[in-house]
Amino acid sequence: MYRIDELQNKEVIDACRAIRLGYVADVEFSEESGAICALIVPGRGRSWFTRGEDLHIPWHSIERIGEELIIVRLHGQVEIPPAQEEPAAIIPLPSPPASRKKKGLFGDF
């Protein structure tokens, strides 16, 4: 048995696409049975100023619930929007000036 606050601390990963979907934000219950129907993960484009579409992951898609992760197999059941963030640029670090080289036990470094 899991409590809702325990599920919210777990990251959801789609095993079919091998991608991280995010962390559980909420759960969806059935009104008739009271059982959990879906996990709700916030959309990728979400920030303070924009709202991405939340992902509703059906409960039957869950493969395993572990200590830190929830593994799901969506098989195209849920449309996952691409990330709206641009990848960070890789900037090479400058090499230190020659005057700052240090003498060590085994030579210069």
C-alpha atoms as a PDB file:
ATOM      1  CA  MET A   1       0.000   0.000   0.000  1.00  0.00           C
ATOM      2  CA  TYR A   2       1.153   3.506  -0.793  1.00  0.00           C
ATOM      3  CA  ARG A   3      -0.074   6.829   0.471  1.00  0.00           C
ATOM      4  CA  ILE A   4      -0.532   9.704  -1.995  1.00  0.00           C
ATOM      5  CA  ASP A   5       2.335  11.692  -0.480  1.00  0.00           C
ATOM      6  CA  GLU A   6       4.633   8.677  -1.004  1.00  0.00           C
ATOM      7  CA  LEU A   7       3.680   8.499  -4.694  1.00  0.00           C
ATOM      8  CA  GLN A   8       4.364  12.237  -5.128  1.00  0.00           C
ATOM      9  CA  ASN A   9       8.027  11.749  -4.258  1.00  0.00           C
ATOM     10  CA  LYS A  10       8.572   9.225  -7.049  1.00  0.00           C
ATOM     11  CA  GLU A  11       9.768   9.923 -10.578  1.00  0.00           C
ATOM     12  CA  VAL A  12       7.787   8.367 -13.453  1.00  0.00           C
ATOM     13  CA  ILE A  13       9.707   6.755 -16.328  1.00  0.00           C
ATOM     14  CA  ASP A  14       8.234   5.364 -19.557  1.00  0.00           C
ATOM     15  CA  ALA A  15      10.019   2.064 -20.249  1.00  0.00           C
ATOM     16  CA  CYS A  16       8.828   1.988 -23.895  1.00  0.00           C
ATOM     17  CA  ARG A  17      10.489   5.275 -24.853  1.00  0.00           C
ATOM     18  CA  ALA A  18      13.144   5.290 -22.101  1.00  0.00           C
ATOM     19  CA  ILE A  19      12.285   8.854 -21.076  1.00  0.00           C
ATOM     20  CA  ARG A  20      11.612  10.609 -17.802  1.00  0.00           C
ATOM     21  CA  LEU A  21       8.087  11.930 -17.593  1.00  0.00           C
ATOM     22  CA  GLY A  22       8.411  13.817 -14.306  1.00  0.00           C
ATOM     23  CA  TYR A  23       7.166  13.442 -10.755  1.00  0.00           C
ATOM     24  CA  VAL A  24       3.641  12.525  -9.690  1.00  0.00           C
ATOM     25  CA  ALA A  25       1.707  15.697  -8.852  1.00  0.00           C
ATOM     26  CA  ASP A  26      -1.709  14.193  -8.137  1.00  0.00           C
ATOM     27  CA  VAL A  27      -3.874  11.105  -8.574  1.00  0.00           C
ATOM     28  CA  GLU A  28      -7.277  10.606 -10.185  1.00  0.00           C
ATOM     29  CA  PHE A  29      -9.907   8.506  -8.390  1.00  0.00           C
ATOM     30  CA  SER A  30     -12.974   6.636  -9.593  1.00  0.00           C
ATOM     31  CA  GLU A  31     -16.138   8.088  -8.043  1.00  0.00           C
ATOM     32  CA  GLU A  32     -17.858   4.685  -7.920  1.00  0.00           C
ATOM     33  CA  SER A  33     -15.127   2.480  -6.462  1.00  0.00           C
ATOM     34  CA  GLY A  34     -12.751   4.991  -4.896  1.00  0.00           C
ATOM     35  CA  ALA A  35      -9.832   3.255  -6.628  1.00  0.00           C
ATOM     36  CA  ILE A  36      -7.004   5.188  -8.278  1.00  0.00           C
ATOM     37  CA  CYS A  37      -7.621   5.499 -12.040  1.00  0.00           C
ATOM     38  CA  ALA A  38      -4.565   7.501 -13.115  1.00  0.00           C
ATOM     39  CA  LEU A  39      -1.429   9.287 -11.993  1.00  0.00           C
ATOM     40  CA  ILE A  40      -1.154  12.943 -12.989  1.00  0.00           C
ATOM     41  CA  VAL A  41       2.272  14.275 -13.969  1.00  0.00           C
ATOM     42  CA  PRO A  42       2.679  17.997 -14.779  1.00  0.00           C
ATOM     43  CA  GLY A  43       3.321  18.811 -18.440  1.00  0.00           C
ATOM     44  CA  ARG A  44       6.864  19.515 -19.608  1.00  0.00           C
ATOM     45  CA  GLY A  45       6.308  23.095 -20.732  1.00  0.00           C
ATOM     46  CA  ARG A  46       5.033  24.177 -17.355  1.00  0.00           C
ATOM     47  CA  SER A  47       6.533  27.171 -15.556  1.00  0.00           C
ATOM     48  CA  TRP A  48       5.304  30.078 -13.430  1.00  0.00           C
ATOM     49  CA  PHE A  49       3.992  31.859 -16.540  1.00  0.00           C
ATOM     50  CA  THR A  50       2.891  29.019 -18.829  1.00  0.00           C
ATOM     51  CA  ARG A  51       0.914  25.870 -18.283  1.00  0.00           C
ATOM     52  CA  GLY A  52       1.704  22.705 -20.176  1.00  0.00           C
ATOM     53  CA  GLU A  53      -0.822  19.901 -20.497  1.00  0.00           C
ATOM     54  CA  ASP A  54      -0.767  17.453 -17.594  1.00  0.00           C
ATOM     55  CA  LEU A  55      -0.114  13.800 -18.414  1.00  0.00           C
ATOM     56  CA  HIS A  56      -2.817  11.404 -17.200  1.00  0.00           C
ATOM     57  CA  ILE A  57      -1.129   8.014 -16.902  1.00  0.00           C
ATOM     58  CA  PRO A  58      -3.647   5.151 -16.601  1.00  0.00           C
ATOM     59  CA  TRP A  59      -3.190   2.973 -13.508  1.00  0.00           C
ATOM     60  CA  HIS A  60      -3.121  -0.209 -15.626  1.00  0.00           C
ATOM     61  CA  SER A  61       0.001   1.134 -17.420  1.00  0.00           C
ATOM     62  CA  ILE A  62       2.097   0.919 -14.257  1.00  0.00           C
ATOM     63  CA  GLU A  63       4.658  -1.899 -14.409  1.00  0.00           C
ATOM     64  CA  ARG A  64       6.420  -1.426 -11.074  1.00  0.00           C
ATOM     65  CA  ILE A  65       6.534   0.961  -8.158  1.00  0.00           C
ATOM     66  CA  GLY A  66       9.960   1.097  -6.551  1.00  0.00           C
ATOM     67  CA  GLU A  67      11.647   3.051  -3.784  1.00  0.00           C
ATOM     68  CA  GLU A  68      12.350   6.085  -6.022  1.00  0.00           C
ATOM     69  CA  LEU A  69      10.778   5.329  -9.416  1.00  0.00           C
ATOM     70  CA  ILE A  70       7.510   4.344 -11.017  1.00  0.00           C
ATOM     71  CA  ILE A  71       8.038   2.416 -14.259  1.00  0.00           C
ATOM     72  CA  VAL A  72       5.188   2.655 -16.785  1.00  0.00           C
ATOM     73  CA  ARG A  73       4.614   1.230 -20.272  1.00  0.00           C
ATOM     74  CA  LEU A  74       2.470   3.644 -22.243  1.00  0.00           C
ATOM     75  CA  HIS A  75       2.659   2.030 -25.726  1.00  0.00           C
ATOM     76  CA  GLY A  76       1.484   5.311 -27.290  1.00  0.00           C
ATOM     77  CA  GLN A  77      -1.587   5.568 -25.019  1.00  0.00           C
ATOM     78  CA  VAL A  78      -0.594   9.049 -23.866  1.00  0.00           C
ATOM     79  CA  GLU A  79       0.688  11.809 -26.149  1.00  0.00           C
ATOM     80  CA  ILE A  80       3.849  13.279 -24.649  1.00  0.00           C
ATOM     81  CA  PRO A  81       4.596  16.813 -25.869  1.00  0.00           C
ATOM     82  CA  PRO A  82       8.244  17.568 -26.673  1.00  0.00           C
ATOM     83  CA  ALA A  83      10.221  19.606 -24.180  1.00  0.00           C
ATOM     84  CA  GLN A  84       9.992  23.322 -24.884  1.00  0.00           C
ATOM     85  CA  GLU A  85      13.342  24.064 -23.347  1.00  0.00           C
ATOM     86  CA  GLU A  86      16.359  24.527 -25.570  1.00  0.00           C
ATOM     87  CA  PRO A  87      19.411  22.455 -24.691  1.00  0.00           C
ATOM     88  CA  ALA A  88      22.061  24.288 -22.740  1.00  0.00           C
ATOM     89  CA  ALA A  89      25.070  25.432 -24.756  1.00  0.00           C
ATOM     90  CA  ILE A  90      28.375  23.771 -23.957  1.00  0.00           C
ATOM     91  CA  ILE A  91      31.025  26.399 -23.357  1.00  0.00           C
ATOM     92  CA  PRO A  92      34.630  25.200 -23.094  1.00  0.00           C
ATOM     93  CA  LEU A  93      36.547  26.427 -20.059  1.00  0.00           C
ATOM     94  CA  PRO A  94      39.659  28.489 -20.792  1.00  0.00           C
ATOM     95  CA  SER A  95      42.990  26.900 -19.912  1.00  0.00           C
ATOM     96  CA  PRO A  96      44.865  28.490 -16.994  1.00  0.00           C
ATOM     97  CA  PRO A  97      47.700  30.908 -17.819  1.00  0.00           C
ATOM     98  CA  ALA A  98      51.188  29.375 -17.991  1.00  0.00           C
ATOM     99  CA  SER A  99      52.371  31.425 -14.994  1.00  0.00           C
ATOM    100  CA  ARG A 100      49.859  29.673 -12.720  1.00  0.00           C
ATOM    101  CA  LYS A 101      51.217  26.149 -13.245  1.00  0.00           C
ATOM    102  CA  LYS A 102      52.183  24.428 -10.011  1.00  0.00           C
ATOM    103  CA  LYS A 103      55.122  22.205  -9.227  1.00  0.00           C
ATOM    104  CA  GLY A 104      54.148  18.843  -7.849  1.00  0.00           C
ATOM    105  CA  LEU A 105      55.957  15.731  -6.698  1.00  0.00           C
ATOM    106  CA  PHE A 106      55.857  14.262 -10.180  1.00  0.00           C
ATOM    107  CA  GLY A 107      56.457  17.391 -12.277  1.00  0.00           C
ATOM    108  CA  ASP A 108      54.378  20.297 -13.519  1.00  0.00           C
ATOM    109  CA  PHE A 109      50.614  20.166 -13.624  1.00  0.00           C
END
